[in-house]
């Protein structure tokens, strides 16, 4: 609401008009105040943007996103929910690609190795760990390798679209993307249960001991329907999930998401 200040009018001597330079000075001061207020509002908005308080919703490419079409990870990729979800995102922006092409040719992958009796494996922040086509030998990766795979394929396809990570997306931002119909690949847990770590572990390159998640899963947040999130799940198909349940699982896994749009 605009604030208004009331001032009493001062008497003017009979027959005298206010001097022109006084009125000009008043107008000049009013103009300077308006400019200062506008600059302040712009700077405040920039500060909020840089602090992460505002999460941009990308403009839908080519006039909008197509409805998400379900792609299942099985039987070819029993542990390939990430590239399967990515294939759904790319199809929704008009760039259909086979999940196996993404996995075999574009997703950064690295396997286990043993050195002096120790088990080593890569960091899932940078690589897919193991073999997604192996029911028992595949683990997972996070958003970094998925973005790399997406952008590698988009460049080869000749598209100006790009993928980018939305790591740390807050609840308001997540809901804004869903309501806008902007599909996201998101990291949650199987059946939205509490995250569980395995007793099995491996060593990273720097000798850090890493206990992987046992129930990590990647799905596509495809919109809102009947007050719930519409989810394209590579294992369970199209489902409607309570927003609270979905958010709890998503936030527990670090608020990890990937979007594809113009400007990357």
Protein backbone atom coordinates (compact mmCIF):
# COMPACT_ATOMS: atom_id res chain seq x y z
CA UNK A 1 0.00 0.00 0.00
CA UNK A 2 1.36 3.41 -0.89
CA UNK A 3 2.05 5.65 2.11
CA UNK A 4 0.65 9.20 1.97
CA UNK A 5 1.63 12.15 4.21
CA UNK A 6 -0.83 15.03 4.75
CA UNK A 7 0.61 18.55 5.12
CA UNK A 8 -1.19 21.79 5.90
CA UNK A 9 -1.39 24.31 3.04
CA UNK A 10 0.49 27.56 3.70
CA UNK A 11 -1.27 30.85 2.89
CA UNK A 12 -0.19 32.60 -0.30
CA UNK A 13 -0.07 36.38 -0.46
CA UNK A 14 -2.94 37.79 -2.45
CA UNK A 15 -2.02 38.49 -6.07
CA UNK A 16 1.30 36.58 -5.94
CA UNK A 17 1.90 33.38 -7.89
CA UNK A 18 4.40 30.78 -6.76
CA UNK A 19 7.72 31.31 -8.48
CA UNK A 20 8.35 29.03 -11.46
CA UNK A 21 11.75 27.85 -10.29
CA UNK A 22 10.13 26.70 -7.01
CA UNK A 23 7.64 24.50 -8.85
CA UNK A 24 10.42 23.18 -11.07
CA UNK A 25 12.50 22.42 -8.02
CA UNK A 26 9.62 20.50 -6.46
CA UNK A 27 9.08 18.48 -9.60
CA UNK A 28 12.82 17.76 -9.79
CA UNK A 29 12.90 16.53 -6.19
CA UNK A 30 9.83 14.35 -6.80
CA UNK A 31 11.46 12.89 -9.91
CA UNK A 32 14.68 12.13 -8.02
CA UNK A 33 12.69 10.41 -5.29
CA UNK A 34 10.90 8.24 -7.86
CA UNK A 35 14.20 7.30 -9.53
CA UNK A 36 15.76 6.46 -6.16
CA UNK A 37 12.80 4.26 -5.22
CA UNK A 38 12.96 2.45 -8.55
CA UNK A 39 16.71 1.84 -8.24
CA UNK A 40 16.21 0.57 -4.69
CA UNK A 41 13.54 -1.89 -5.81
CA UNK A 42 15.76 -3.19 -8.62
CA UNK A 43 18.75 -3.64 -6.29
CA UNK A 44 16.56 -5.44 -3.75
CA UNK A 45 15.33 -7.82 -6.42
CA UNK A 46 18.90 -8.53 -7.58
CA UNK A 47 19.95 -9.22 -3.98
CA UNK A 48 17.11 -11.72 -3.55
CA UNK A 49 18.01 -13.40 -6.82
CA UNK A 50 21.69 -13.76 -5.87
CA UNK A 51 20.81 -15.07 -2.42
CA UNK A 52 18.77 -17.89 -3.95
CA UNK A 53 15.50 -16.63 -2.50
CA UNK A 54 14.06 -16.45 -6.01
CA UNK A 55 14.19 -19.56 -8.21
CA UNK A 56 13.51 -18.78 -11.88
CA UNK A 57 10.98 -20.79 -13.83
CA UNK A 58 12.44 -21.25 -17.32
CA UNK A 59 10.42 -20.16 -20.32
CA UNK A 60 8.93 -23.25 -21.97
CA UNK A 61 10.87 -23.90 -25.20
CA UNK A 62 9.13 -23.90 -28.56
CA UNK A 63 5.91 -22.56 -27.05
CA UNK A 64 5.61 -25.14 -24.29
CA UNK A 65 6.50 -28.57 -23.02
CA UNK A 66 4.76 -31.62 -24.39
CA UNK A 67 3.02 -33.84 -21.81
CA UNK A 68 5.53 -36.23 -20.27
CA UNK A 69 5.34 -39.67 -21.86
CA UNK A 70 6.23 -42.55 -19.58
CA UNK A 71 9.39 -44.51 -20.38
CA UNK A 72 10.19 -47.54 -18.26
CA UNK A 73 13.73 -48.45 -17.28
CA UNK A 74 13.12 -52.21 -17.31
CA UNK A 75 14.07 -54.61 -18.65
CA UNK A 76 17.13 -53.07 -20.29
CA UNK A 77 18.29 -50.83 -17.44
CA UNK A 78 17.15 -52.24 -14.08
CA UNK A 79 19.35 -49.67 -12.33
CA UNK A 80 19.04 -46.88 -14.91
CA UNK A 81 16.35 -44.62 -13.50
CA UNK A 82 18.47 -41.49 -14.07
CA UNK A 83 18.97 -41.81 -17.85
CA UNK A 84 15.42 -43.09 -18.27
CA UNK A 85 14.09 -39.98 -16.52
CA UNK A 86 16.37 -37.86 -18.68
CA UNK A 87 14.98 -39.51 -21.82
CA UNK A 88 11.48 -38.46 -20.66
CA UNK A 89 12.64 -34.85 -20.17
CA UNK A 90 14.22 -34.68 -23.60
CA UNK A 91 11.16 -36.12 -25.29
CA UNK A 92 9.01 -33.51 -23.53
CA UNK A 93 11.05 -30.72 -25.14
CA UNK A 94 10.78 -32.24 -28.60
CA UNK A 95 14.14 -34.03 -28.61
CA UNK A 96 13.33 -37.74 -28.42
CA UNK A 97 16.27 -40.01 -27.70
CA UNK A 98 16.54 -43.64 -26.70
CA UNK A 99 17.48 -44.27 -23.08
CA UNK A 100 20.13 -46.80 -24.16
CA UNK A 101 21.80 -44.22 -26.42
CA UNK A 102 21.99 -41.80 -23.49
CA UNK A 103 23.38 -44.49 -21.21
CA UNK A 104 25.87 -46.09 -23.57
CA UNK A 105 27.17 -43.02 -25.41
CA UNK A 106 26.72 -40.01 -23.15
CA UNK A 107 26.43 -40.79 -19.43
CA UNK A 108 29.82 -40.67 -17.65
CA UNK A 109 30.35 -44.15 -16.15
CA UNK A 110 33.05 -45.80 -14.07
CA UNK A 111 33.26 -49.23 -12.48
CA UNK A 112 34.70 -50.75 -9.35
CA UNK A 113 38.34 -51.68 -8.93
CA UNK A 114 40.43 -53.41 -6.29
CA UNK A 115 43.83 -52.20 -5.21
CA UNK A 116 45.75 -53.94 -2.41
CA UNK A 117 42.55 -55.65 -1.32
CA UNK A 118 40.62 -52.37 -1.11
CA UNK A 119 37.45 -51.68 -3.11
CA UNK A 120 37.48 -48.38 -4.99
CA UNK A 121 34.66 -46.73 -6.95
CA UNK A 122 33.98 -43.25 -8.29
CA UNK A 123 32.08 -40.40 -6.72
CA UNK A 124 28.41 -40.49 -7.89
CA UNK A 125 28.50 -36.70 -8.05
CA UNK A 126 30.73 -37.14 -11.13
CA UNK A 127 30.06 -40.61 -12.51
CA UNK A 128 27.46 -43.32 -12.74
CA UNK A 129 28.80 -46.08 -10.49
CA UNK A 130 28.80 -49.62 -11.91
CA UNK A 131 26.64 -50.97 -14.73
CA UNK A 132 22.99 -49.89 -14.89
CA UNK A 133 22.19 -52.88 -17.10
CA UNK A 134 23.28 -55.26 -14.32
CA UNK A 135 20.55 -55.97 -11.74
CA UNK A 136 23.14 -56.37 -8.97
CA UNK A 137 26.12 -54.40 -10.27
CA UNK A 138 24.59 -50.99 -10.89
CA UNK A 139 24.31 -48.19 -8.35
CA UNK A 140 23.48 -44.60 -9.29
CA UNK A 141 24.67 -41.09 -10.08
CA UNK A 142 23.50 -37.64 -9.07
CA UNK A 143 22.58 -34.64 -11.19
CA UNK A 144 26.06 -33.70 -12.47
CA UNK A 145 26.52 -36.70 -14.80
CA UNK A 146 22.89 -36.42 -15.97
CA UNK A 147 23.39 -32.77 -16.98
CA UNK A 148 26.61 -33.74 -18.76
CA UNK A 149 24.85 -36.53 -20.67
CA UNK A 150 21.93 -34.27 -21.61
CA UNK A 151 24.08 -31.43 -22.90
CA UNK A 152 26.40 -33.76 -24.79
CA UNK A 153 23.45 -35.25 -26.63
CA UNK A 154 21.74 -31.88 -27.21
CA UNK A 155 24.91 -30.47 -28.75
CA UNK A 156 25.24 -33.45 -31.08
CA UNK A 157 21.54 -33.16 -31.94
CA UNK A 158 22.14 -29.51 -32.90
CA UNK A 159 19.69 -28.16 -30.34
CA UNK A 160 20.05 -24.82 -28.57
CA UNK A 161 18.36 -26.27 -25.49
CA UNK A 162 20.47 -27.06 -22.46
CA UNK A 163 20.08 -28.94 -19.20
CA UNK A 164 21.00 -27.46 -15.84
CA UNK A 165 20.96 -28.58 -12.25
CA UNK A 166 18.61 -27.04 -9.69
CA UNK A 167 20.47 -28.39 -6.67
CA UNK A 168 18.98 -27.22 -3.40
CA UNK A 169 15.59 -26.33 -4.87
CA UNK A 170 13.28 -25.23 -2.07
CA UNK A 171 9.66 -26.22 -1.56
CA UNK A 172 8.19 -23.11 -3.14
CA UNK A 173 10.43 -23.46 -6.17
CA UNK A 174 9.58 -27.13 -6.60
CA UNK A 175 5.87 -26.38 -6.50
CA UNK A 176 6.28 -23.48 -8.92
CA UNK A 177 7.89 -25.73 -11.54
CA UNK A 178 5.18 -28.36 -11.05
CA UNK A 179 2.32 -25.86 -11.37
CA UNK A 180 3.94 -24.33 -14.47
CA UNK A 181 4.03 -27.74 -16.11
CA UNK A 182 7.82 -27.63 -16.41
CA UNK A 183 9.03 -31.23 -16.05
CA UNK A 184 11.96 -31.96 -13.75
CA UNK A 185 14.08 -35.04 -13.19
CA UNK A 186 14.24 -35.29 -9.40
CA UNK A 187 16.04 -37.53 -6.91
CA UNK A 188 13.82 -39.16 -4.31
CA UNK A 189 13.65 -42.59 -2.66
CA UNK A 190 11.83 -45.76 -3.63
CA UNK A 191 8.22 -45.50 -2.47
CA UNK A 192 9.18 -42.17 -0.81
CA UNK A 193 10.53 -43.97 2.26
CA UNK A 194 13.26 -42.68 4.57
CA UNK A 195 16.70 -42.71 2.90
CA UNK A 196 18.66 -45.84 3.77
CA UNK A 197 22.40 -46.35 3.54
CA UNK A 198 23.95 -49.69 2.65
CA UNK A 199 26.35 -51.54 4.94
CA UNK A 200 28.49 -52.08 1.85
CA UNK A 201 30.98 -49.28 1.16
CA UNK A 202 33.70 -48.28 -1.23
CA UNK A 203 36.63 -45.87 -1.19
CA UNK A 204 36.69 -42.73 -3.28
CA UNK A 205 39.86 -41.52 -4.98
CA UNK A 206 40.85 -39.50 -1.91
CA UNK A 207 40.37 -42.58 0.34
CA UNK A 208 37.07 -41.26 1.72
CA UNK A 209 34.78 -44.09 2.83
CA UNK A 210 31.47 -43.88 0.97
CA UNK A 211 28.31 -45.71 2.07
CA UNK A 212 25.86 -45.62 -0.86
CA UNK A 213 22.11 -45.26 -0.63
CA UNK A 214 20.14 -48.49 -0.84
CA UNK A 215 16.86 -46.95 -1.97
CA UNK A 216 17.75 -43.95 -4.16
CA UNK A 217 15.44 -43.35 -7.10
CA UNK A 218 15.06 -40.79 -9.89
CA UNK A 219 11.65 -39.84 -11.34
CA UNK A 220 10.10 -37.06 -13.40
CA UNK A 221 7.90 -34.48 -11.70
CA UNK A 222 5.38 -33.91 -14.49
CA UNK A 223 2.81 -31.49 -13.03
CA UNK A 224 -0.06 -31.17 -10.58
CA UNK A 225 -3.32 -33.12 -10.71
CA UNK A 226 -6.12 -33.21 -8.13
CA UNK A 227 -3.93 -31.34 -5.66
CA UNK A 228 -1.17 -33.95 -5.89
CA UNK A 229 2.05 -34.19 -7.84
CA UNK A 230 1.83 -36.11 -11.08
CA UNK A 231 4.95 -38.26 -11.30
CA UNK A 232 6.33 -40.30 -14.20
CA UNK A 233 8.15 -43.09 -12.38
CA UNK A 234 10.44 -45.31 -14.54
CA UNK A 235 9.51 -48.30 -12.35
CA UNK A 236 5.97 -47.68 -11.10
CA UNK A 237 4.48 -45.77 -14.03
CA UNK A 238 2.35 -42.61 -13.81
CA UNK A 239 1.38 -41.96 -10.19
CA UNK A 240 -0.19 -39.20 -8.10
CA UNK A 241 1.78 -38.48 -4.94
CA UNK A 242 0.81 -36.34 -1.96
CA UNK A 243 2.84 -33.13 -2.05
CA UNK A 244 3.98 -33.46 1.56
CA UNK A 245 5.21 -37.03 1.06
CA UNK A 246 7.00 -36.11 -2.16
CA UNK A 247 8.66 -33.06 -0.62
CA UNK A 248 9.90 -35.01 2.41
CA UNK A 249 11.64 -37.55 0.18
CA UNK A 250 12.96 -34.95 -2.27
CA UNK A 251 14.38 -32.70 0.45
CA UNK A 252 15.91 -35.67 2.31
CA UNK A 253 17.90 -36.45 -0.83
CA UNK A 254 19.29 -32.94 -1.03
CA UNK A 255 16.75 -31.18 -3.25
CA UNK A 256 18.40 -32.44 -6.43
CA UNK A 257 16.71 -31.74 -9.77
CA UNK A 258 17.49 -31.23 -13.47
CA UNK A 259 15.55 -29.09 -15.96
CA UNK A 260 15.92 -28.78 -19.73
CA UNK A 261 15.16 -25.45 -21.37
CA UNK A 262 16.59 -22.56 -23.33
CA UNK A 263 19.53 -20.76 -21.84
CA UNK A 264 20.59 -23.87 -19.88
